[in-house]
Protein backbone atom coordinates (compact mmCIF):
# COMPACT_ATOMS: atom_id res chain seq x y z
CA MET A 1 30.82 33.90 30.38
CA SER A 2 31.90 30.37 31.28
CA ASP A 3 32.09 27.47 28.82
CA ALA A 4 29.24 25.84 30.68
CA GLY A 5 27.08 28.91 30.06
CA VAL A 6 27.94 28.88 26.34
CA ASP A 7 27.07 25.19 26.08
CA GLU A 8 23.72 25.79 27.75
CA ASP A 9 22.95 28.61 25.30
CA VAL A 10 23.84 26.39 22.32
CA VAL A 11 21.62 23.59 23.60
CA LEU A 12 18.76 26.06 24.17
CA VAL A 13 19.02 27.49 20.64
CA ALA A 14 19.21 23.98 19.15
CA ASN A 15 16.11 22.91 21.06
CA GLU A 16 14.26 26.03 19.90
CA GLU A 17 15.19 25.29 16.27
CA LYS A 18 13.94 21.72 16.63
CA GLU A 19 10.68 23.00 18.09
CA VAL A 20 10.23 25.39 15.15
CA LEU A 21 10.80 22.55 12.70
CA ARG A 22 8.38 20.36 14.59
CA VAL A 23 5.68 23.03 14.45
CA GLY A 24 6.19 23.48 10.70
CA GLU A 25 6.01 19.79 9.86
CA PRO A 26 2.70 18.51 8.41
CA GLU A 27 0.66 16.19 10.58
CA VAL A 28 0.51 12.89 8.72
CA SER A 29 -0.76 10.50 11.36
CA HIS A 30 -3.89 12.07 12.85
CA ILE A 31 -7.30 11.68 11.22
CA ASP A 32 -9.56 14.63 11.98
CA ILE A 33 -13.09 13.91 10.76
CA LYS A 34 -14.47 17.32 11.76
CA LYS A 35 -11.83 19.13 9.71
CA ALA A 36 -12.05 16.58 6.87
CA ARG A 37 -8.41 15.58 7.23
CA PHE A 38 -7.66 11.98 6.29
CA PRO A 39 -3.89 11.54 5.81
CA CYS A 40 -3.00 8.90 3.19
CA CYS A 41 -6.58 7.65 2.99
CA LEU A 42 -9.16 6.80 0.39
CA VAL A 43 -12.42 8.65 1.07
CA TRP A 44 -15.91 7.96 -0.25
CA THR A 45 -19.34 9.59 -0.26
CA PRO A 46 -22.65 8.48 -1.84
CA LEU A 47 -23.29 9.77 -5.34
CA PRO A 48 -26.61 11.67 -5.43
CA VAL A 49 -29.49 10.00 -7.31
CA VAL A 50 -27.33 7.10 -8.54
CA ALA A 51 -26.67 5.89 -4.97
CA TRP A 52 -30.41 6.01 -4.28
CA LEU A 53 -30.69 3.05 -6.64
CA VAL A 54 -27.24 1.48 -6.25
CA PRO A 55 -25.86 2.35 -2.79
CA PHE A 56 -22.36 1.01 -3.45
CA ILE A 57 -21.87 3.52 -6.28
CA GLY A 58 -20.28 6.68 -4.91
CA HIS A 59 -17.64 9.36 -5.33
CA VAL A 60 -14.11 8.54 -4.21
CA GLY A 61 -11.03 10.62 -3.54
CA ILE A 62 -7.49 10.12 -2.27
CA CYS A 63 -5.76 12.24 0.36
CA ARG A 64 -2.32 13.80 0.65
CA GLU A 65 -0.03 13.24 3.61
CA ASP A 66 -1.45 16.32 5.30
CA GLY A 67 -4.98 14.91 4.96
CA VAL A 68 -6.24 17.20 2.19
CA ILE A 69 -8.65 15.42 -0.19
CA LEU A 70 -8.04 15.31 -3.95
CA ASP A 71 -10.84 14.10 -6.21
CA PHE A 72 -11.53 14.10 -9.94
CA ALA A 73 -14.87 15.92 -10.00
CA GLY A 74 -15.47 17.03 -13.57
CA PRO A 75 -13.96 17.63 -17.02
CA TYR A 76 -10.38 18.85 -16.66
CA PHE A 77 -10.95 19.54 -12.96
CA VAL A 78 -9.47 18.01 -9.81
CA ASN A 79 -10.87 19.26 -6.51
CA VAL A 80 -8.41 20.19 -3.76
CA ASP A 81 -9.79 20.25 -0.22
CA ASN A 82 -13.39 20.51 -1.42
CA PHE A 83 -14.77 16.99 -1.69
CA ALA A 84 -17.52 16.93 -4.31
CA PHE A 85 -21.04 15.59 -3.56
CA GLY A 86 -20.91 16.02 0.20
CA SER A 87 -18.79 15.24 3.23
CA THR A 88 -16.87 12.00 3.62
CA ALA A 89 -18.99 9.00 4.61
CA LYS A 90 -16.33 6.28 4.55
CA TYR A 91 -12.56 6.24 4.66
CA LEU A 92 -9.80 3.68 4.39
CA ARG A 93 -6.32 4.33 5.74
CA LEU A 94 -3.51 3.22 3.40
CA ASN A 95 0.11 2.57 4.30
CA PRO A 96 2.65 4.56 2.22
CA GLU A 97 5.33 2.03 3.22
CA LYS A 98 3.56 -0.47 0.95
CA CYS A 99 4.26 1.75 -2.06
CA CYS A 100 7.17 1.47 -4.48
CA PHE A 101 9.17 4.71 -4.67
CA PRO A 102 12.23 3.60 -6.67
CA PRO A 103 15.29 5.88 -6.81
CA HIS A 104 16.38 3.90 -9.89
CA LEU A 105 15.32 0.84 -11.88
CA SER A 106 17.05 -1.63 -9.55
CA GLY A 107 15.36 0.01 -6.57
CA HIS A 108 11.86 -1.22 -7.42
CA THR A 109 9.98 -3.31 -4.87
CA CYS A 110 6.89 -3.88 -7.04
CA SER A 111 5.93 -6.93 -9.08
CA ASP A 112 6.84 -5.50 -12.50
CA PRO A 113 9.59 -2.81 -12.44
CA PHE A 114 9.67 -2.31 -16.20
CA GLN A 115 5.93 -1.78 -16.58
CA HIS A 116 5.89 0.43 -13.49
CA THR A 117 8.62 2.60 -15.00
CA ASP A 118 6.79 2.72 -18.32
CA ARG A 119 3.53 3.84 -16.68
CA GLY A 120 5.27 6.39 -14.48
CA THR A 121 6.69 6.28 -10.97
CA ALA A 122 6.78 8.60 -7.97
CA ILE A 123 9.36 9.48 -5.34
CA SER A 124 6.84 9.96 -2.53
CA TRP A 125 3.14 9.70 -1.72
CA ASP A 126 2.46 13.38 -2.37
CA ASP A 127 4.58 13.36 -5.53
CA GLY A 128 2.47 10.53 -6.92
CA LEU A 129 -0.75 12.41 -6.20
CA GLU A 130 0.60 15.64 -7.66
CA THR A 131 1.61 13.94 -10.91
CA THR A 132 -1.74 12.16 -11.20
CA MET A 133 -3.57 15.41 -10.54
CA ARG A 134 -1.67 17.22 -13.30
CA ASN A 135 -2.46 14.33 -15.64
CA TYR A 136 -6.20 14.33 -14.91
CA GLN A 137 -6.49 18.08 -15.26
CA HIS A 138 -6.25 17.34 -18.99
CA LYS A 139 -8.84 14.56 -19.10
CA LEU A 140 -12.55 14.68 -19.91
CA TYR A 141 -14.71 13.31 -17.10
CA ASN A 142 -17.09 10.49 -17.98
CA LEU A 143 -19.06 8.45 -15.43
CA PHE A 144 -18.68 5.25 -17.46
CA THR A 145 -15.09 5.42 -18.75
CA CYS A 146 -13.05 8.03 -16.89
CA ASN A 147 -14.24 8.98 -13.43
CA CYS A 148 -13.09 9.50 -9.85
CA HIS A 149 -12.26 5.81 -9.40
CA SER A 150 -10.01 5.97 -12.46
CA PHE A 151 -8.20 8.92 -10.87
CA VAL A 152 -7.57 7.00 -7.65
CA ALA A 153 -6.52 3.86 -9.53
CA ASN A 154 -4.02 5.87 -11.58
CA ALA A 155 -2.46 7.28 -8.40
CA LEU A 156 -2.20 3.83 -6.80
CA ASN A 157 -0.64 2.42 -9.98
CA ARG A 158 1.87 5.27 -10.11
CA MET A 159 2.89 4.45 -6.53
CA ALA A 160 2.55 0.67 -7.11
CA TYR A 161 0.58 0.33 -3.90
CA ARG A 162 0.93 -3.17 -2.41
CA GLY A 163 3.44 -3.84 -5.17
CA SER A 164 0.72 -3.82 -7.84
CA ILE A 165 0.20 -1.73 -10.96
CA LYS A 166 -3.12 -3.40 -11.76
CA TRP A 167 -5.40 -1.09 -9.83
CA ASN A 168 -8.60 -0.24 -11.69
CA LEU A 169 -12.14 1.05 -11.18
CA VAL A 170 -13.47 -2.30 -9.96
CA ASN A 171 -10.87 -3.19 -7.35
CA VAL A 172 -10.73 0.40 -6.04
CA LEU A 173 -14.51 0.32 -5.59
CA ALA A 174 -14.32 -3.09 -3.89
CA LEU A 175 -11.45 -1.97 -1.63
CA VAL A 176 -13.38 1.01 -0.29
CA PHE A 177 -16.71 -0.82 -0.08
CA PHE A 178 -15.45 -3.88 1.81
CA LYS A 179 -12.53 -2.44 3.78
CA GLY A 180 -13.58 1.16 4.43
CA GLN A 181 -15.17 2.29 7.67
CA TYR A 182 -17.93 4.82 8.16
CA VAL A 183 -17.07 8.07 9.89
CA SER A 184 -20.25 7.84 12.00
CA TYR A 185 -23.61 6.11 12.32
CA TRP A 186 -25.18 9.13 10.61
CA ALA A 187 -22.94 8.53 7.58
CA LEU A 188 -24.23 4.96 7.43
CA VAL A 189 -27.83 6.20 7.54
CA ARG A 190 -27.09 8.86 4.92
CA THR A 191 -25.73 6.16 2.62
CA TYR A 192 -28.56 3.63 2.80
CA ALA A 193 -31.69 5.53 3.90
CA PRO A 194 -32.49 6.99 0.42
CA PHE A 195 -32.03 3.55 -1.16
CA VAL A 196 -34.38 1.92 1.37
CA VAL A 197 -37.01 4.65 0.85
CA VAL A 198 -36.85 4.36 -2.96
CA LEU A 199 -37.01 0.56 -2.75
CA ILE A 200 -40.06 0.61 -0.47
CA LEU A 201 -41.86 3.24 -2.57
CA GLY A 202 -41.12 1.33 -5.76
CA LEU A 203 -42.45 -1.93 -4.33
CA VAL A 204 -45.55 -0.26 -2.90
CA MET A 205 -46.38 1.64 -6.08
CA THR A 206 -45.51 -0.91 -8.78
CA GLY A 207 -44.72 -4.16 -7.00
CA TRP A 208 -42.49 -6.82 -8.52
CA PRO A 209 -41.98 -5.01 -11.86
CA PHE A 210 -39.99 -2.36 -9.99
CA LEU A 211 -37.76 -5.00 -8.41
CA ILE A 212 -37.20 -6.64 -11.79
CA ALA A 213 -36.37 -3.29 -13.44
CA TRP A 214 -34.02 -2.43 -10.56
CA SER A 215 -32.24 -5.78 -10.88
CA ILE A 216 -31.77 -5.26 -14.62
CA PHE A 217 -30.39 -1.75 -14.05
CA VAL A 218 -27.89 -2.94 -11.43
CA GLY A 219 -26.94 -5.93 -13.55
CA LEU A 220 -26.26 -3.74 -16.59
CA MET A 221 -24.06 -1.35 -14.58
CA VAL A 222 -22.04 -4.15 -13.00
CA THR A 223 -21.67 -5.92 -16.35
CA TRP A 224 -20.50 -2.73 -18.06
CA PHE A 225 -17.78 -2.01 -15.52
CA LEU A 226 -16.59 -5.63 -15.39
CA ILE A 227 -16.42 -5.99 -19.18
CA GLY A 228 -14.97 -2.51 -19.67
CA THR A 229 -12.28 -3.16 -17.07
CA TYR A 230 -11.24 -6.75 -17.69
CA CYS A 231 -12.34 -7.60 -21.24
CA LEU A 232 -12.03 -4.34 -23.20
CA ARG A 233 -8.67 -3.15 -21.90
CA GLY A 234 -8.15 0.55 -22.29
CA LEU A 235 -11.85 1.39 -22.46
CA ILE A 236 -11.97 2.47 -18.81
CA GLU A 237 -9.12 4.70 -17.62
CA SER A 238 -6.86 3.64 -14.77
């Protein structure tokens, strides 16, 4: 066999090996709503009953590079690829390049390297989620102090997303609510239709007293989370 023939065989084998590697690599760029794959995204769905009264209160999760959803769904339990409380209604794509994955202390790109190191760092997006998941598998779920938003905030702090280690329940909720996009018009209807129905029924049946009671309920919830997050540090997990 000639040298030219040998070279062609080598090139062919090399190309085949590259193709095999390409097939085995996880897809990290394509969002597939039908298959519930949201690579490096925050995902959100309305929380039953509670969202009927306060539509911005929902269940949130964070996704691996391959798009699989992780969410803190109950005491000592983190869901993997089984988003609790229904399919995703909103999602927000995050950029892993805005995270701080320091190989050593001098390699930090975040605002506070020492505090980031003290709280725990990660070497990649998936490593940060894996560590957070192991941590929350030993935590007791509580809607008011340690919930799905706390889980997401902990992961973002571990990765120092946007150079910050001050992620908490409030700014995670605000990020998804104001920046997230609905997966479809039906998801938008599914989010707000129960609230509109409850509001109309309440006004028809009881009138203004219902609106006053609703306002007090929403005000108490917002006040609790704001005070628990920014005034009573440590009360709400993050």
